[in-house]
Amino acid sequence: MTKREIASKVALKVGISQKEALNMLNLLLDEIKKGLLNKEKIEVRGFGTFKRIRAEAKIARDIKKNKQIALPDCFRVKFTPSKRLKEMVNSKQR
C-alpha cells in the first residue's frame, strides 16, 4: 500500500479531500523524522515504537568482486511493533 492509497482511505473515512489527507499524513511522517533526527524515541501506542540506533562499523564482503569492504558506523531506524499489533498480525482471523 502506498502513501497515496493510505491518504485516500483516510479521506473517505474522515470526510475530507484526498489532498488534505495526504498533507496530514506528510505532516505526521515529518514529525516522526524530526523526532528521530533529535534522537527521540517515537512511541505510537497500539502500533509500535520507532528508535534510532547506532550500527557499528564492520567488515563486509562484496560477493561479486570477492573483496572485503569496510562499512562505516551509521544510524539505523528500528521499529518494534506493539504487543497489540503483533497479536493482530498473528491472529487466525486475518
C-alpha atoms as a PDB file:
ATOM      1  CA  MET A   1       0.000   0.000   0.000  1.00  0.00           C
ATOM      2  CA  THR A   2       1.373   3.395  -0.937  1.00  0.00           C
ATOM      3  CA  LYS A   3       1.166   6.693   0.922  1.00  0.00           C
ATOM      4  CA  ARG A   4      -1.374   7.961  -1.596  1.00  0.00           C
ATOM      5  CA  GLU A   5      -3.580   4.888  -1.063  1.00  0.00           C
ATOM      6  CA  ILE A   6      -3.457   5.370   2.715  1.00  0.00           C
ATOM      7  CA  ALA A   7      -4.410   9.040   2.303  1.00  0.00           C
ATOM      8  CA  SER A   8      -7.288   8.058   0.033  1.00  0.00           C
ATOM      9  CA  LYS A   9      -8.694   5.623   2.616  1.00  0.00           C
ATOM     10  CA  VAL A  10      -8.318   8.165   5.418  1.00  0.00           C
ATOM     11  CA  ALA A  11     -10.026  10.833   3.296  1.00  0.00           C
ATOM     12  CA  LEU A  12     -13.034   8.568   2.709  1.00  0.00           C
ATOM     13  CA  LYS A  13     -13.381   7.651   6.398  1.00  0.00           C
ATOM     14  CA  VAL A  14     -12.935  11.178   7.751  1.00  0.00           C
ATOM     15  CA  GLY A  15     -14.794  13.013   5.008  1.00  0.00           C
ATOM     16  CA  ILE A  16     -12.018  15.311   3.830  1.00  0.00           C
ATOM     17  CA  SER A  17     -10.337  15.722   0.472  1.00  0.00           C
ATOM     18  CA  GLN A  18      -7.590  13.350  -0.585  1.00  0.00           C
ATOM     19  CA  LYS A  19      -5.177  16.294  -0.802  1.00  0.00           C
ATOM     20  CA  GLU A  20      -5.881  17.284   2.815  1.00  0.00           C
ATOM     21  CA  ALA A  21      -5.433  13.703   3.989  1.00  0.00           C
ATOM     22  CA  LEU A  22      -2.126  13.443   2.113  1.00  0.00           C
ATOM     23  CA  ASN A  23      -0.943  16.704   3.706  1.00  0.00           C
ATOM     24  CA  MET A  24      -1.868  15.386   7.167  1.00  0.00           C
ATOM     25  CA  LEU A  25      -0.029  12.126   6.519  1.00  0.00           C
ATOM     26  CA  ASN A  26       3.041  14.041   5.313  1.00  0.00           C
ATOM     27  CA  LEU A  27       2.951  16.188   8.471  1.00  0.00           C
ATOM     28  CA  LEU A  28       2.804  13.073  10.649  1.00  0.00           C
ATOM     29  CA  LEU A  29       5.736  11.468   8.844  1.00  0.00           C
ATOM     30  CA  ASP A  30       7.737  14.716   9.050  1.00  0.00           C
ATOM     31  CA  GLU A  31       7.246  14.818  12.821  1.00  0.00           C
ATOM     32  CA  ILE A  32       8.442  11.208  13.124  1.00  0.00           C
ATOM     33  CA  LYS A  33      11.527  12.078  11.049  1.00  0.00           C
ATOM     34  CA  LYS A  34      12.260  15.172  13.154  1.00  0.00           C
ATOM     35  CA  GLY A  35      11.959  13.150  16.338  1.00  0.00           C
ATOM     36  CA  LEU A  36      14.389  10.532  15.053  1.00  0.00           C
ATOM     37  CA  LEU A  37      16.842  13.242  13.988  1.00  0.00           C
ATOM     38  CA  ASN A  38      16.643  14.648  17.536  1.00  0.00           C
ATOM     39  CA  LYS A  39      17.421  11.169  18.954  1.00  0.00           C
ATOM     40  CA  GLU A  40      13.924  10.806  20.386  1.00  0.00           C
ATOM     41  CA  LYS A  41      12.051   7.543  20.761  1.00  0.00           C
ATOM     42  CA  ILE A  42       8.709   7.776  18.928  1.00  0.00           C
ATOM     43  CA  GLU A  43       6.006   5.680  20.564  1.00  0.00           C
ATOM     44  CA  VAL A  44       2.610   5.252  18.924  1.00  0.00           C
ATOM     45  CA  ARG A  45       0.502   3.354  21.438  1.00  0.00           C
ATOM     46  CA  GLY A  46      -1.165   0.300  19.973  1.00  0.00           C
ATOM     47  CA  PHE A  47       1.092   0.429  16.896  1.00  0.00           C
ATOM     48  CA  GLY A  48       4.761   0.408  17.844  1.00  0.00           C
ATOM     49  CA  THR A  49       7.963   2.299  18.582  1.00  0.00           C
ATOM     50  CA  PHE A  50      10.492   3.899  16.252  1.00  0.00           C
ATOM     51  CA  LYS A  51      14.016   4.234  17.625  1.00  0.00           C
ATOM     52  CA  ARG A  52      17.304   5.479  16.196  1.00  0.00           C
ATOM     53  CA  ILE A  53      20.123   3.024  16.870  1.00  0.00           C
ATOM     54  CA  ARG A  54      23.831   3.105  16.084  1.00  0.00           C
ATOM     55  CA  ALA A  55      25.177   0.384  13.788  1.00  0.00           C
ATOM     56  CA  GLU A  56      28.859  -0.225  14.476  1.00  0.00           C
ATOM     57  CA  ALA A  57      31.454  -0.206  11.713  1.00  0.00           C
ATOM     58  CA  LYS A  58      32.156  -3.653  10.281  1.00  0.00           C
ATOM     59  CA  ILE A  59      33.915  -5.531   7.527  1.00  0.00           C
ATOM     60  CA  ALA A  60      31.643  -6.985   4.854  1.00  0.00           C
ATOM     61  CA  ARG A  61      32.277  -8.943   1.680  1.00  0.00           C
ATOM     62  CA  ASP A  62      31.438  -7.866  -1.868  1.00  0.00           C
ATOM     63  CA  ILE A  63      30.338 -11.218  -3.273  1.00  0.00           C
ATOM     64  CA  LYS A  64      30.615 -10.207  -6.932  1.00  0.00           C
ATOM     65  CA  LYS A  65      34.208  -8.986  -6.630  1.00  0.00           C
ATOM     66  CA  ASN A  66      35.155 -11.337  -3.784  1.00  0.00           C
ATOM     67  CA  LYS A  67      36.694  -8.466  -1.818  1.00  0.00           C
ATOM     68  CA  GLN A  68      36.309  -7.235   1.707  1.00  0.00           C
ATOM     69  CA  ILE A  69      34.917  -3.751   2.170  1.00  0.00           C
ATOM     70  CA  ALA A  70      34.779  -1.593   5.275  1.00  0.00           C
ATOM     71  CA  LEU A  71      31.348  -0.300   6.216  1.00  0.00           C
ATOM     72  CA  PRO A  72      31.473   2.785   8.453  1.00  0.00           C
ATOM     73  CA  ASP A  73      29.338   3.143  11.543  1.00  0.00           C
ATOM     74  CA  CYS A  74      25.962   4.726  10.877  1.00  0.00           C
ATOM     75  CA  PHE A  75      22.499   5.163  12.315  1.00  0.00           C
ATOM     76  CA  ARG A  76      19.535   2.952  11.515  1.00  0.00           C
ATOM     77  CA  VAL A  77      15.861   3.146  12.379  1.00  0.00           C
ATOM     78  CA  LYS A  78      14.483   0.264  14.374  1.00  0.00           C
ATOM     79  CA  PHE A  79      10.745  -0.360  14.543  1.00  0.00           C
ATOM     80  CA  THR A  80       9.361  -2.527  17.317  1.00  0.00           C
ATOM     81  CA  PRO A  81       5.697  -3.433  16.894  1.00  0.00           C
ATOM     82  CA  SER A  82       3.426  -3.186  19.936  1.00  0.00           C
ATOM     83  CA  LYS A  83       2.099  -6.300  21.597  1.00  0.00           C
ATOM     84  CA  ARG A  84      -1.365  -5.479  20.256  1.00  0.00           C
ATOM     85  CA  LEU A  85      -0.117  -5.125  16.664  1.00  0.00           C
ATOM     86  CA  LYS A  86       1.774  -8.428  16.915  1.00  0.00           C
ATOM     87  CA  GLU A  87      -1.357 -10.156  18.150  1.00  0.00           C
ATOM     88  CA  MET A  88      -3.438  -8.681  15.323  1.00  0.00           C
ATOM     89  CA  VAL A  89      -0.938  -9.735  12.658  1.00  0.00           C
ATOM     90  CA  ASN A  90      -0.586 -13.236  14.076  1.00  0.00           C
ATOM     91  CA  SER A  91      -4.276 -13.855  14.760  1.00  0.00           C
ATOM     92  CA  LYS A  92      -6.056 -16.523  12.789  1.00  0.00           C
ATOM     93  CA  GLN A  93      -8.828 -14.080  11.813  1.00  0.00           C
ATOM     94  CA  ARG A  94      -6.919 -12.150   9.183  1.00  0.00           C
END
